[in-house]
Amino acid sequence: MPLLARMLASPLHLDIRAGAVDNLAALLHERAITSGGTVMVAVGTGHGQEIWERIKPTLPNATMFDVWEANLASAGALQEALGQQGYDAVVAIGGGKTIDVAKYAATRAALPMVAVATNLAHDGICSPVASLEHQHGKGSYGVALPLAVVVDLDYVRNAPPEMVRGGIGDAISNLSAIEDWLLAQRERGEAVDGLALAFARTAAEAILHRTDTIEDDEFLIALAEALVLSGMAMSVAGTSRPCSGACHEIVHAIDQIYNVSNHGELAGLGALFATFLRGDDVRFTQIAAALARHGLATRPDQIGLTEEQFVTAVLAAPSTRPDRYTILEHLALSEDEVRERVAAFVSRLRPTGS
């Protein structure tokens, strides 16, 4: 009998609105995630502790775990704590780092996990990947998707604006990642999942041409939905490919070499440079306009890097994902050629008269 459909992993529940955290206890009960509220609540810095105090009266059987760092040690400690009592689920309250720690620990403890996002810095709020530091650097680990995702706009509005803008860069970078994936299909025969492409492209284009800003709730809702769709794209594909190409290779290189770690903003800049390398003038203009509209970097100096430092990062980028084929591997530019391309890229984006 032919396979007529496939099962897709996805959150059971998505709640994006102001005041969403007040419904958390009801969500856990109504979705049968826990009947008695015996959950571990992993709390990060920032608004996490405040939200915990707000919801604690509604979850008297819950235990709080303080996530101090986004590293394997913290994730391991949470996993160990989960084994000391019969918890029904893990609830992560915080930004991407806290959610990544909780996703990793919950997956290894075979427990469902609920993500309560307090900012929209990147697509980690609903992705099958956890990015965690370890003694040799930073690694990406496959994890289960959150069973439910809650985004309270009251807290997102109060997050540092640069973090919310980062989510814009991460979502838009899908457009570059998609082109890299299609390039790998043409040149290397790499399998491409059309549904994953559709999710990733829809997420990016939902943000690309919007003229409202992070000050508007409708924009924040669209951004949150885009980041969730990006996570779904990766889950469908079974790889980060639909949302990660040359753009993210450049992100990881900059992070490793210069310890500049605004992931989403770097992804947007990396996507813009990769699009420049492809010679796609229409898409380049669209991405540059979108990044500039929201106050995101379009040139290396806007993230504190010189042209030469950016050249170094571009040269190192392929080594961060040696198994991945992108426009960087395809062109295989020499150091002098990269330097020339970076100079032309910066020149094109430099304000007239400067």
C-alpha atoms as a PDB file:
ATOM      1  CA  MET A   1       0.000   0.000   0.000  1.00  0.00           C
ATOM      2  CA  PRO A   2       1.474   3.393  -0.903  1.00  0.00           C
ATOM      3  CA  LEU A   3       2.306   5.873   1.801  1.00  0.00           C
ATOM      4  CA  LEU A   4      -0.470   8.447   1.481  1.00  0.00           C
ATOM      5  CA  ALA A   5       0.584  10.835   4.230  1.00  0.00           C
ATOM      6  CA  ARG A   6       3.277  11.421   6.778  1.00  0.00           C
ATOM      7  CA  MET A   7       3.106  12.343  10.421  1.00  0.00           C
ATOM      8  CA  LEU A   8       4.622  15.699  11.304  1.00  0.00           C
ATOM      9  CA  ALA A   9       5.981  16.541  14.729  1.00  0.00           C
ATOM     10  CA  SER A  10       4.593  19.869  15.872  1.00  0.00           C
ATOM     11  CA  PRO A  11       3.564  21.653  19.056  1.00  0.00           C
ATOM     12  CA  LEU A  12       0.111  20.691  20.312  1.00  0.00           C
ATOM     13  CA  HIS A  13      -0.551  24.252  21.369  1.00  0.00           C
ATOM     14  CA  LEU A  14       0.632  27.715  20.324  1.00  0.00           C
ATOM     15  CA  ASP A  15      -0.443  30.772  22.311  1.00  0.00           C
ATOM     16  CA  ILE A  16       0.867  34.192  21.240  1.00  0.00           C
ATOM     17  CA  ARG A  17      -0.792  37.120  23.000  1.00  0.00           C
ATOM     18  CA  ALA A  18      -0.543  39.541  25.873  1.00  0.00           C
ATOM     19  CA  GLY A  19      -1.084  37.867  29.241  1.00  0.00           C
ATOM     20  CA  ALA A  20      -0.517  34.363  27.879  1.00  0.00           C
ATOM     21  CA  VAL A  21       1.459  33.177  30.927  1.00  0.00           C
ATOM     22  CA  ASP A  22      -1.623  33.530  33.120  1.00  0.00           C
ATOM     23  CA  ASN A  23      -3.139  30.570  31.272  1.00  0.00           C
ATOM     24  CA  LEU A  24      -0.120  28.292  31.750  1.00  0.00           C
ATOM     25  CA  ALA A  25      -1.556  26.126  34.542  1.00  0.00           C
ATOM     26  CA  ALA A  26      -4.793  25.648  32.606  1.00  0.00           C
ATOM     27  CA  LEU A  27      -2.826  24.770  29.469  1.00  0.00           C
ATOM     28  CA  LEU A  28      -0.849  22.081  31.297  1.00  0.00           C
ATOM     29  CA  HIS A  29      -4.058  20.542  32.641  1.00  0.00           C
ATOM     30  CA  GLU A  30      -6.274  20.872  29.556  1.00  0.00           C
ATOM     31  CA  ARG A  31      -3.647  19.396  27.254  1.00  0.00           C
ATOM     32  CA  ALA A  32      -3.073  16.538  29.723  1.00  0.00           C
ATOM     33  CA  ILE A  33       0.582  17.473  30.056  1.00  0.00           C
ATOM     34  CA  THR A  34       0.210  17.134  33.816  1.00  0.00           C
ATOM     35  CA  SER A  35      -2.788  16.393  36.002  1.00  0.00           C
ATOM     36  CA  GLY A  36      -1.354  17.435  39.338  1.00  0.00           C
ATOM     37  CA  GLY A  37       1.035  20.181  38.268  1.00  0.00           C
ATOM     38  CA  THR A  38       4.160  18.166  39.099  1.00  0.00           C
ATOM     39  CA  VAL A  39       6.460  19.945  36.683  1.00  0.00           C
ATOM     40  CA  MET A  40       9.990  21.277  36.737  1.00  0.00           C
ATOM     41  CA  VAL A  41      10.074  24.960  35.828  1.00  0.00           C
ATOM     42  CA  ALA A  42      13.441  25.933  34.339  1.00  0.00           C
ATOM     43  CA  VAL A  43      13.934  29.650  34.806  1.00  0.00           C
ATOM     44  CA  GLY A  44      16.491  31.875  33.136  1.00  0.00           C
ATOM     45  CA  THR A  45      17.724  35.346  33.871  1.00  0.00           C
ATOM     46  CA  GLY A  46      15.666  38.423  33.092  1.00  0.00           C
ATOM     47  CA  HIS A  47      11.901  37.970  33.318  1.00  0.00           C
ATOM     48  CA  GLY A  48      12.023  34.253  34.107  1.00  0.00           C
ATOM     49  CA  GLN A  49      12.078  34.667  37.878  1.00  0.00           C
ATOM     50  CA  GLU A  50       9.319  37.280  37.717  1.00  0.00           C
ATOM     51  CA  ILE A  51       7.074  34.955  35.722  1.00  0.00           C
ATOM     52  CA  TRP A  52       7.816  32.071  38.092  1.00  0.00           C
ATOM     53  CA  GLU A  53       6.641  34.157  41.042  1.00  0.00           C
ATOM     54  CA  ARG A  54       3.540  35.101  39.064  1.00  0.00           C
ATOM     55  CA  ILE A  55       2.530  31.532  38.201  1.00  0.00           C
ATOM     56  CA  LYS A  56       3.755  29.732  41.333  1.00  0.00           C
ATOM     57  CA  PRO A  57       0.413  30.030  43.184  1.00  0.00           C
ATOM     58  CA  THR A  58      -1.299  28.220  40.291  1.00  0.00           C
ATOM     59  CA  LEU A  59       1.295  25.405  40.263  1.00  0.00           C
ATOM     60  CA  PRO A  60       1.791  24.474  43.940  1.00  0.00           C
ATOM     61  CA  ASN A  61       3.445  21.137  43.075  1.00  0.00           C
ATOM     62  CA  ALA A  62       5.990  22.648  40.695  1.00  0.00           C
ATOM     63  CA  THR A  63       9.716  22.929  41.403  1.00  0.00           C
ATOM     64  CA  MET A  64      11.939  25.729  40.134  1.00  0.00           C
ATOM     65  CA  PHE A  65      15.352  25.113  38.549  1.00  0.00           C
ATOM     66  CA  ASP A  66      17.701  28.026  37.966  1.00  0.00           C
ATOM     67  CA  VAL A  67      19.396  27.889  34.548  1.00  0.00           C
ATOM     68  CA  TRP A  68      22.660  29.705  35.108  1.00  0.00           C
ATOM     69  CA  GLU A  69      24.370  29.127  31.749  1.00  0.00           C
ATOM     70  CA  ALA A  70      23.472  27.783  28.313  1.00  0.00           C
ATOM     71  CA  ASN A  71      25.959  24.931  28.499  1.00  0.00           C
ATOM     72  CA  LEU A  72      26.067  21.162  28.757  1.00  0.00           C
ATOM     73  CA  ALA A  73      26.835  21.330  32.469  1.00  0.00           C
ATOM     74  CA  SER A  74      23.640  23.255  33.180  1.00  0.00           C
ATOM     75  CA  ALA A  75      21.616  20.963  30.915  1.00  0.00           C
ATOM     76  CA  GLY A  76      23.133  17.916  32.606  1.00  0.00           C
ATOM     77  CA  ALA A  77      22.292  19.282  36.047  1.00  0.00           C
ATOM     78  CA  LEU A  78      18.692  19.832  34.977  1.00  0.00           C
ATOM     79  CA  GLN A  79      18.506  16.312  33.545  1.00  0.00           C
ATOM     80  CA  GLU A  80      19.830  14.908  36.824  1.00  0.00           C
ATOM     81  CA  ALA A  81      17.287  16.926  38.814  1.00  0.00           C
ATOM     82  CA  LEU A  82      14.493  15.565  36.635  1.00  0.00           C
ATOM     83  CA  GLY A  83      15.470  12.033  37.616  1.00  0.00           C
ATOM     84  CA  GLN A  84      15.112  12.701  41.335  1.00  0.00           C
ATOM     85  CA  GLN A  85      11.322  12.952  41.333  1.00  0.00           C
ATOM     86  CA  GLY A  86       8.434  11.819  39.178  1.00  0.00           C
ATOM     87  CA  TYR A  87       7.983  14.924  37.084  1.00  0.00           C
ATOM     88  CA  ASP A  88       5.376  14.985  34.337  1.00  0.00           C
ATOM     89  CA  ALA A  89       6.987  17.674  32.204  1.00  0.00           C
ATOM     90  CA  VAL A  90       9.477  20.523  31.968  1.00  0.00           C
ATOM     91  CA  VAL A  91       8.426  24.145  31.544  1.00  0.00           C
ATOM     92  CA  ALA A  92      11.137  26.522  30.319  1.00  0.00           C
ATOM     93  CA  ILE A  93      10.642  30.230  30.991  1.00  0.00           C
ATOM     94  CA  GLY A  94      13.098  32.633  29.401  1.00  0.00           C
ATOM     95  CA  GLY A  95      15.009  33.309  26.223  1.00  0.00           C
ATOM     96  CA  GLY A  96      16.582  30.963  23.722  1.00  0.00           C
ATOM     97  CA  LYS A  97      19.400  29.864  26.034  1.00  0.00           C
ATOM     98  CA  THR A  98      17.055  28.728  28.786  1.00  0.00           C
ATOM     99  CA  ILE A  99      14.797  26.996  26.291  1.00  0.00           C
ATOM    100  CA  ASP A 100      17.763  25.189  24.704  1.00  0.00           C
ATOM    101  CA  VAL A 101      18.923  23.884  28.094  1.00  0.00           C
ATOM    102  CA  ALA A 102      15.420  22.659  28.871  1.00  0.00           C
ATOM    103  CA  LYS A 103      14.908  21.072  25.433  1.00  0.00           C
ATOM    104  CA  TYR A 104      18.147  19.116  25.812  1.00  0.00           C
ATOM    105  CA  ALA A 105      17.405  17.930  29.364  1.00  0.00           C
ATOM    106  CA  ALA A 106      13.758  17.100  28.678  1.00  0.00           C
ATOM    107  CA  THR A 107      14.630  15.115  25.564  1.00  0.00           C
ATOM    108  CA  ARG A 108      17.194  13.024  27.410  1.00  0.00           C
ATOM    109  CA  ALA A 109      14.842  12.531  30.339  1.00  0.00           C
ATOM    110  CA  ALA A 110      12.071  11.504  27.887  1.00  0.00           C
ATOM    111  CA  LEU A 111       9.714  14.174  29.206  1.00  0.00           C
ATOM    112  CA  PRO A 112       7.490  16.624  27.325  1.00  0.00           C
ATOM    113  CA  MET A 113       8.573  20.240  27.413  1.00  0.00           C
ATOM    114  CA  VAL A 114       6.695  23.536  27.222  1.00  0.00           C
ATOM    115  CA  ALA A 115       8.504  26.671  26.034  1.00  0.00           C
ATOM    116  CA  VAL A 116       7.477  30.030  27.496  1.00  0.00           C
ATOM    117  CA  ALA A 117       9.429  32.568  25.452  1.00  0.00           C
ATOM    118  CA  THR A 118      10.211  35.979  26.926  1.00  0.00           C
ATOM    119  CA  ASN A 119      11.923  37.276  23.794  1.00  0.00           C
ATOM    120  CA  LEU A 120      12.053  36.548  20.078  1.00  0.00           C
ATOM    121  CA  ALA A 121      15.810  36.624  19.495  1.00  0.00           C
ATOM    122  CA  HIS A 122      15.958  33.564  17.195  1.00  0.00           C
ATOM    123  CA  ASP A 123      14.110  30.480  15.988  1.00  0.00           C
ATOM    124  CA  GLY A 124      15.214  28.322  18.923  1.00  0.00           C
ATOM    125  CA  ILE A 125      11.856  28.791  20.649  1.00  0.00           C
ATOM    126  CA  CYS A 126      10.441  25.919  18.584  1.00  0.00           C
ATOM    127  CA  SER A 127      13.306  24.154  16.854  1.00  0.00           C
ATOM    128  CA  PRO A 128      14.591  20.557  17.055  1.00  0.00           C
ATOM    129  CA  VAL A 129      18.067  21.878  17.855  1.00  0.00           C
ATOM    130  CA  ALA A 130      19.692  22.986  21.116  1.00  0.00           C
ATOM    131  CA  SER A 131      22.828  25.115  20.923  1.00  0.00           C
ATOM    132  CA  LEU A 132      24.933  24.592  24.035  1.00  0.00           C
ATOM    133  CA  GLU A 133      28.446  25.524  25.045  1.00  0.00           C
ATOM    134  CA  HIS A 134      30.918  22.889  26.190  1.00  0.00           C
ATOM    135  CA  GLN A 135      34.584  22.832  27.166  1.00  0.00           C
ATOM    136  CA  HIS A 136      35.727  22.882  23.543  1.00  0.00           C
ATOM    137  CA  GLY A 137      33.348  25.549  22.233  1.00  0.00           C
ATOM    138  CA  LYS A 138      29.712  25.291  21.200  1.00  0.00           C
ATOM    139  CA  GLY A 139      27.729  22.405  19.770  1.00  0.00           C
ATOM    140  CA  SER A 140      24.316  21.811  18.211  1.00  0.00           C
ATOM    141  CA  TYR A 141      22.298  18.875  19.537  1.00  0.00           C
ATOM    142  CA  GLY A 142      19.173  17.232  18.169  1.00  0.00           C
ATOM    143  CA  VAL A 143      16.226  17.508  20.547  1.00  0.00           C
ATOM    144  CA  ALA A 144      12.463  17.035  20.582  1.00  0.00           C
ATOM    145  CA  LEU A 145      10.229  19.968  19.702  1.00  0.00           C
ATOM    146  CA  PRO A 146       8.389  21.685  22.562  1.00  0.00           C
ATOM    147  CA  LEU A 147       4.955  20.173  23.142  1.00  0.00           C
ATOM    148  CA  ALA A 148       3.542  23.681  23.523  1.00  0.00           C
ATOM    149  CA  VAL A 149       4.850  27.185  22.883  1.00  0.00           C
ATOM    150  CA  VAL A 150       3.684  30.234  24.810  1.00  0.00           C
ATOM    151  CA  VAL A 151       4.740  33.755  23.836  1.00  0.00           C
ATOM    152  CA  ASP A 152       3.536  36.499  26.172  1.00  0.00           C
ATOM    153  CA  LEU A 153       3.695  39.813  24.320  1.00  0.00           C
ATOM    154  CA  ASP A 154       3.790  41.739  27.602  1.00  0.00           C
ATOM    155  CA  TYR A 155       7.260  40.327  28.262  1.00  0.00           C
ATOM    156  CA  VAL A 156       8.448  40.402  24.663  1.00  0.00           C
ATOM    157  CA  ARG A 157       7.686  44.140  24.547  1.00  0.00           C
ATOM    158  CA  ASN A 158       9.914  44.640  27.578  1.00  0.00           C
ATOM    159  CA  ALA A 159      12.804  42.572  26.227  1.00  0.00           C
ATOM    160  CA  PRO A 160      15.871  44.458  24.972  1.00  0.00           C
ATOM    161  CA  PRO A 161      14.966  45.711  21.471  1.00  0.00           C
ATOM    162  CA  GLU A 162      18.184  44.328  19.986  1.00  0.00           C
ATOM    163  CA  MET A 163      17.135  40.820  21.014  1.00  0.00           C
ATOM    164  CA  VAL A 164      13.746  41.097  19.331  1.00  0.00           C
ATOM    165  CA  ARG A 165      15.380  42.542  16.222  1.00  0.00           C
ATOM    166  CA  GLY A 166      17.663  39.505  16.208  1.00  0.00           C
ATOM    167  CA  GLY A 167      14.655  37.312  15.510  1.00  0.00           C
ATOM    168  CA  ILE A 168      13.975  39.380  12.402  1.00  0.00           C
ATOM    169  CA  GLY A 169      17.460  38.658  11.071  1.00  0.00           C
ATOM    170  CA  ASP A 170      17.152  34.958  11.848  1.00  0.00           C
ATOM    171  CA  ALA A 171      13.801  34.644  10.082  1.00  0.00           C
ATOM    172  CA  ILE A 172      14.897  36.578   6.995  1.00  0.00           C
ATOM    173  CA  SER A 173      18.108  34.531   6.738  1.00  0.00           C
ATOM    174  CA  ASN A 174      15.929  31.563   5.713  1.00  0.00           C
ATOM    175  CA  LEU A 175      15.857  33.056   2.218  1.00  0.00           C
ATOM    176  CA  SER A 176      19.604  32.593   1.870  1.00  0.00           C
ATOM    177  CA  ALA A 177      19.598  29.166   3.524  1.00  0.00           C
ATOM    178  CA  ILE A 178      16.959  27.975   1.063  1.00  0.00           C
ATOM    179  CA  GLU A 179      19.115  29.017  -1.891  1.00  0.00           C
ATOM    180  CA  ASP A 180      22.086  27.159  -0.410  1.00  0.00           C
ATOM    181  CA  TRP A 181      20.005  24.017   0.025  1.00  0.00           C
ATOM    182  CA  LEU A 182      18.771  24.186  -3.566  1.00  0.00           C
ATOM    183  CA  LEU A 183      22.353  24.766  -4.719  1.00  0.00           C
ATOM    184  CA  ALA A 184      23.453  21.619  -2.877  1.00  0.00           C
ATOM    185  CA  GLN A 185      20.647  19.726  -4.581  1.00  0.00           C
ATOM    186  CA  ARG A 186      21.769  20.877  -8.030  1.00  0.00           C
ATOM    187  CA  GLU A 187      25.485  20.391  -7.478  1.00  0.00           C
ATOM    188  CA  ARG A 188      25.626  17.451  -5.078  1.00  0.00           C
ATOM    189  CA  GLY A 189      22.281  15.707  -5.434  1.00  0.00           C
ATOM    190  CA  GLU A 190      21.364  16.524  -1.836  1.00  0.00           C
ATOM    191  CA  ALA A 191      17.766  15.663  -0.998  1.00  0.00           C
ATOM    192  CA  VAL A 192      15.494  18.667  -0.482  1.00  0.00           C
ATOM    193  CA  ASP A 193      12.147  18.561   1.311  1.00  0.00           C
ATOM    194  CA  GLY A 194       9.601  20.763  -0.443  1.00  0.00           C
ATOM    195  CA  LEU A 195       7.348  21.119   2.592  1.00  0.00           C
ATOM    196  CA  ALA A 196      10.263  22.250   4.746  1.00  0.00           C
ATOM    197  CA  LEU A 197      11.147  24.789   2.056  1.00  0.00           C
ATOM    198  CA  ALA A 198       7.570  26.068   2.063  1.00  0.00           C
ATOM    199  CA  PHE A 199       7.586  26.544   5.835  1.00  0.00           C
ATOM    200  CA  ALA A 200      10.964  28.296   5.819  1.00  0.00           C
ATOM    201  CA  ARG A 201      10.113  30.557   2.880  1.00  0.00           C
ATOM    202  CA  THR A 202       6.716  31.461   4.328  1.00  0.00           C
ATOM    203  CA  ALA A 203       8.361  32.396   7.623  1.00  0.00           C
ATOM    204  CA  ALA A 204      10.879  34.705   5.963  1.00  0.00           C
ATOM    205  CA  GLU A 205       8.468  36.361   3.566  1.00  0.00           C
ATOM    206  CA  ALA A 206       6.000  37.005   6.391  1.00  0.00           C
ATOM    207  CA  ILE A 207       8.566  39.458   7.768  1.00  0.00           C
ATOM    208  CA  LEU A 208      10.503  40.623   4.712  1.00  0.00           C
ATOM    209  CA  HIS A 209       8.166  43.340   3.447  1.00  0.00           C
ATOM    210  CA  ARG A 210       6.370  44.401   6.642  1.00  0.00           C
ATOM    211  CA  THR A 211       6.501  48.120   7.307  1.00  0.00           C
ATOM    212  CA  ASP A 212       5.344  47.999  10.938  1.00  0.00           C
ATOM    213  CA  THR A 213       7.892  47.580  13.739  1.00  0.00           C
ATOM    214  CA  ILE A 214       8.671  45.752  16.956  1.00  0.00           C
ATOM    215  CA  GLU A 215       6.603  48.410  18.715  1.00  0.00           C
ATOM    216  CA  ASP A 216       3.464  46.902  17.158  1.00  0.00           C
ATOM    217  CA  ASP A 217       1.790  43.789  18.545  1.00  0.00           C
ATOM    218  CA  GLU A 218       0.751  42.624  15.080  1.00  0.00           C
ATOM    219  CA  PHE A 219       4.381  42.629  14.011  1.00  0.00           C
ATOM    220  CA  LEU A 220       5.454  40.714  17.129  1.00  0.00           C
ATOM    221  CA  ILE A 221       2.764  38.110  16.480  1.00  0.00           C
ATOM    222  CA  ALA A 222       3.940  37.725  12.878  1.00  0.00           C
ATOM    223  CA  LEU A 223       7.553  37.403  14.031  1.00  0.00           C
ATOM    224  CA  ALA A 224       6.704  34.810  16.677  1.00  0.00           C
ATOM    225  CA  GLU A 225       4.745  32.802  14.108  1.00  0.00           C
ATOM    226  CA  ALA A 226       7.642  33.069  11.648  1.00  0.00           C
ATOM    227  CA  LEU A 227      10.110  31.726  14.207  1.00  0.00           C
ATOM    228  CA  VAL A 228       7.796  28.833  15.056  1.00  0.00           C
ATOM    229  CA  LEU A 229       7.407  28.051  11.340  1.00  0.00           C
ATOM    230  CA  SER A 230      11.194  28.043  11.007  1.00  0.00           C
ATOM    231  CA  GLY A 231      11.412  25.485  13.781  1.00  0.00           C
ATOM    232  CA  MET A 232       8.753  23.427  12.048  1.00  0.00           C
ATOM    233  CA  ALA A 233      10.718  23.602   8.790  1.00  0.00           C
ATOM    234  CA  MET A 234      13.751  22.099  10.502  1.00  0.00           C
ATOM    235  CA  SER A 235      11.633  19.420  12.144  1.00  0.00           C
ATOM    236  CA  VAL A 236      10.027  18.430   8.833  1.00  0.00           C
ATOM    237  CA  ALA A 237      13.405  18.326   7.088  1.00  0.00           C
ATOM    238  CA  GLY A 238      15.145  16.448   9.879  1.00  0.00           C
ATOM    239  CA  THR A 239      17.978  18.947   9.520  1.00  0.00           C
ATOM    240  CA  SER A 240      18.595  22.657  10.064  1.00  0.00           C
ATOM    241  CA  ARG A 241      19.161  23.011   6.300  1.00  0.00           C
ATOM    242  CA  PRO A 242      16.038  25.091   5.477  1.00  0.00           C
ATOM    243  CA  CYS A 243      17.116  27.745   7.973  1.00  0.00           C
ATOM    244  CA  SER A 244      20.899  27.455   8.039  1.00  0.00           C
ATOM    245  CA  GLY A 245      23.415  27.807   5.229  1.00  0.00           C
ATOM    246  CA  ALA A 246      26.320  30.131   4.500  1.00  0.00           C
ATOM    247  CA  CYS A 247      24.558  32.709   6.661  1.00  0.00           C
ATOM    248  CA  HIS A 248      24.940  30.568   9.767  1.00  0.00           C
ATOM    249  CA  GLU A 249      28.424  29.367   8.871  1.00  0.00           C
ATOM    250  CA  ILE A 250      29.413  33.045   9.009  1.00  0.00           C
ATOM    251  CA  VAL A 251      27.527  33.424  12.316  1.00  0.00           C
ATOM    252  CA  HIS A 252      29.459  30.572  13.911  1.00  0.00           C
ATOM    253  CA  ALA A 253      32.799  31.809  12.589  1.00  0.00           C
ATOM    254  CA  ILE A 254      32.253  35.331  13.950  1.00  0.00           C
ATOM    255  CA  ASP A 255      31.125  33.907  17.285  1.00  0.00           C
ATOM    256  CA  GLN A 256      34.136  31.588  17.552  1.00  0.00           C
ATOM    257  CA  ILE A 257      36.769  34.102  16.454  1.00  0.00           C
ATOM    258  CA  TYR A 258      35.487  37.375  17.895  1.00  0.00           C
ATOM    259  CA  ASN A 259      32.975  36.282  20.552  1.00  0.00           C
ATOM    260  CA  VAL A 260      30.262  38.396  18.942  1.00  0.00           C
ATOM    261  CA  SER A 261      27.128  36.397  19.618  1.00  0.00           C
ATOM    262  CA  ASN A 262      23.994  38.291  18.604  1.00  0.00           C
ATOM    263  CA  HIS A 263      22.921  35.246  16.638  1.00  0.00           C
ATOM    264  CA  GLY A 264      19.965  36.661  14.738  1.00  0.00           C
ATOM    265  CA  GLU A 265      21.591  39.913  13.693  1.00  0.00           C
ATOM    266  CA  LEU A 266      24.687  38.045  12.505  1.00  0.00           C
ATOM    267  CA  ALA A 267      22.483  35.626  10.557  1.00  0.00           C
ATOM    268  CA  GLY A 268      20.861  38.540   8.769  1.00  0.00           C
ATOM    269  CA  LEU A 269      24.234  40.035   7.881  1.00  0.00           C
ATOM    270  CA  GLY A 270      25.545  36.643   6.764  1.00  0.00           C
ATOM    271  CA  ALA A 271      22.476  36.125   4.590  1.00  0.00           C
ATOM    272  CA  LEU A 272      22.938  39.531   2.991  1.00  0.00           C
ATOM    273  CA  PHE A 273      26.577  38.801   2.143  1.00  0.00           C
ATOM    274  CA  ALA A 274      25.747  35.338   0.798  1.00  0.00           C
ATOM    275  CA  THR A 275      23.023  36.852  -1.380  1.00  0.00           C
ATOM    276  CA  PHE A 276      25.564  39.378  -2.660  1.00  0.00           C
ATOM    277  CA  LEU A 277      27.887  36.508  -3.597  1.00  0.00           C
ATOM    278  CA  ARG A 278      25.079  34.890  -5.586  1.00  0.00           C
ATOM    279  CA  GLY A 279      24.574  38.070  -7.589  1.00  0.00           C
ATOM    280  CA  ASP A 280      20.849  38.125  -6.828  1.00  0.00           C
ATOM    281  CA  ASP A 281      20.313  41.897  -6.955  1.00  0.00           C
ATOM    282  CA  VAL A 282      16.555  41.816  -6.386  1.00  0.00           C
ATOM    283  CA  ARG A 283      16.746  39.660  -3.270  1.00  0.00           C
ATOM    284  CA  PHE A 284      19.830  41.552  -2.054  1.00  0.00           C
ATOM    285  CA  THR A 285      17.944  44.848  -2.225  1.00  0.00           C
ATOM    286  CA  GLN A 286      14.943  43.351  -0.418  1.00  0.00           C
ATOM    287  CA  ILE A 287      17.000  41.872   2.416  1.00  0.00           C
ATOM    288  CA  ALA A 288      19.153  44.988   2.826  1.00  0.00           C
ATOM    289  CA  ALA A 289      16.042  47.172   3.006  1.00  0.00           C
ATOM    290  CA  ALA A 290      14.370  44.913   5.573  1.00  0.00           C
ATOM    291  CA  LEU A 291      17.437  44.745   7.812  1.00  0.00           C
ATOM    292  CA  ALA A 292      17.969  48.504   7.649  1.00  0.00           C
ATOM    293  CA  ARG A 293      14.268  49.191   8.279  1.00  0.00           C
ATOM    294  CA  HIS A 294      14.494  47.381  11.600  1.00  0.00           C
ATOM    295  CA  GLY A 295      17.873  48.758  12.660  1.00  0.00           C
ATOM    296  CA  LEU A 296      19.869  45.597  11.951  1.00  0.00           C
ATOM    297  CA  ALA A 297      23.430  45.558  10.662  1.00  0.00           C
ATOM    298  CA  THR A 298      24.045  45.498   6.924  1.00  0.00           C
ATOM    299  CA  ARG A 299      27.819  46.086   7.150  1.00  0.00           C
ATOM    300  CA  PRO A 300      30.568  44.534   9.310  1.00  0.00           C
ATOM    301  CA  ASP A 301      31.426  47.846  11.011  1.00  0.00           C
ATOM    302  CA  GLN A 302      27.897  47.971  12.434  1.00  0.00           C
ATOM    303  CA  ILE A 303      28.672  44.905  14.559  1.00  0.00           C
ATOM    304  CA  GLY A 304      32.113  46.206  15.510  1.00  0.00           C
ATOM    305  CA  LEU A 305      34.178  44.335  12.905  1.00  0.00           C
ATOM    306  CA  THR A 306      36.598  45.733  10.366  1.00  0.00           C
ATOM    307  CA  GLU A 307      36.464  44.576   6.763  1.00  0.00           C
ATOM    308  CA  GLU A 308      39.575  42.476   7.343  1.00  0.00           C
ATOM    309  CA  GLN A 309      38.037  40.803  10.380  1.00  0.00           C
ATOM    310  CA  PHE A 310      34.960  39.980   8.325  1.00  0.00           C
ATOM    311  CA  VAL A 311      37.205  38.536   5.608  1.00  0.00           C
ATOM    312  CA  THR A 312      38.805  36.281   8.224  1.00  0.00           C
ATOM    313  CA  ALA A 313      35.374  35.113   9.378  1.00  0.00           C
ATOM    314  CA  VAL A 314      34.197  34.373   5.829  1.00  0.00           C
ATOM    315  CA  LEU A 315      37.334  32.328   5.159  1.00  0.00           C
ATOM    316  CA  ALA A 316      36.815  30.353   8.371  1.00  0.00           C
ATOM    317  CA  ALA A 317      33.068  29.905   7.892  1.00  0.00           C
ATOM    318  CA  PRO A 318      33.103  26.647   5.859  1.00  0.00           C
ATOM    319  CA  SER A 319      35.117  24.900   8.568  1.00  0.00           C
ATOM    320  CA  THR A 320      32.279  25.414  11.065  1.00  0.00           C
ATOM    321  CA  ARG A 321      30.070  23.002   9.086  1.00  0.00           C
ATOM    322  CA  PRO A 322      32.393  20.867   6.936  1.00  0.00           C
ATOM    323  CA  ASP A 323      29.494  18.623   5.902  1.00  0.00           C
ATOM    324  CA  ARG A 324      27.494  21.500   4.440  1.00  0.00           C
ATOM    325  CA  TYR A 325      27.579  22.745   0.839  1.00  0.00           C
ATOM    326  CA  THR A 326      26.711  26.428   0.397  1.00  0.00           C
ATOM    327  CA  ILE A 327      27.620  29.316  -1.866  1.00  0.00           C
ATOM    328  CA  LEU A 328      30.880  29.630   0.106  1.00  0.00           C
ATOM    329  CA  GLU A 329      31.973  26.082  -0.709  1.00  0.00           C
ATOM    330  CA  HIS A 330      30.658  26.392  -4.254  1.00  0.00           C
ATOM    331  CA  LEU A 331      32.679  29.501  -5.096  1.00  0.00           C
ATOM    332  CA  ALA A 332      35.730  28.365  -3.070  1.00  0.00           C
ATOM    333  CA  LEU A 333      37.154  31.891  -3.185  1.00  0.00           C
ATOM    334  CA  SER A 334      40.800  32.557  -2.382  1.00  0.00           C
ATOM    335  CA  GLU A 335      41.720  34.980   0.386  1.00  0.00           C
ATOM    336  CA  ASP A 336      42.311  37.780  -2.110  1.00  0.00           C
ATOM    337  CA  GLU A 337      39.014  37.052  -3.850  1.00  0.00           C
ATOM    338  CA  VAL A 338      37.126  37.123  -0.548  1.00  0.00           C
ATOM    339  CA  ARG A 339      38.801  40.419   0.299  1.00  0.00           C
ATOM    340  CA  GLU A 340      37.692  41.861  -3.045  1.00  0.00           C
ATOM    341  CA  ARG A 341      34.109  40.638  -2.603  1.00  0.00           C
ATOM    342  CA  VAL A 342      33.885  42.003   0.938  1.00  0.00           C
ATOM    343  CA  ALA A 343      35.193  45.389  -0.201  1.00  0.00           C
ATOM    344  CA  ALA A 344      32.625  45.497  -3.012  1.00  0.00           C
ATOM    345  CA  PHE A 345      29.870  44.414  -0.607  1.00  0.00           C
ATOM    346  CA  VAL A 346      30.704  47.149   1.897  1.00  0.00           C
ATOM    347  CA  SER A 347      31.097  49.749  -0.844  1.00  0.00           C
ATOM    348  CA  ARG A 348      27.643  48.980  -2.174  1.00  0.00           C
ATOM    349  CA  LEU A 349      26.073  49.454   1.257  1.00  0.00           C
ATOM    350  CA  ARG A 350      28.078  52.448   2.424  1.00  0.00           C
ATOM    351  CA  PRO A 351      26.001  55.658   2.608  1.00  0.00           C
ATOM    352  CA  THR A 352      26.559  58.069  -0.267  1.00  0.00           C
ATOM    353  CA  GLY A 353      29.288  60.600   0.495  1.00  0.00           C
ATOM    354  CA  SER A 354      30.897  58.618   3.326  1.00  0.00           C
END
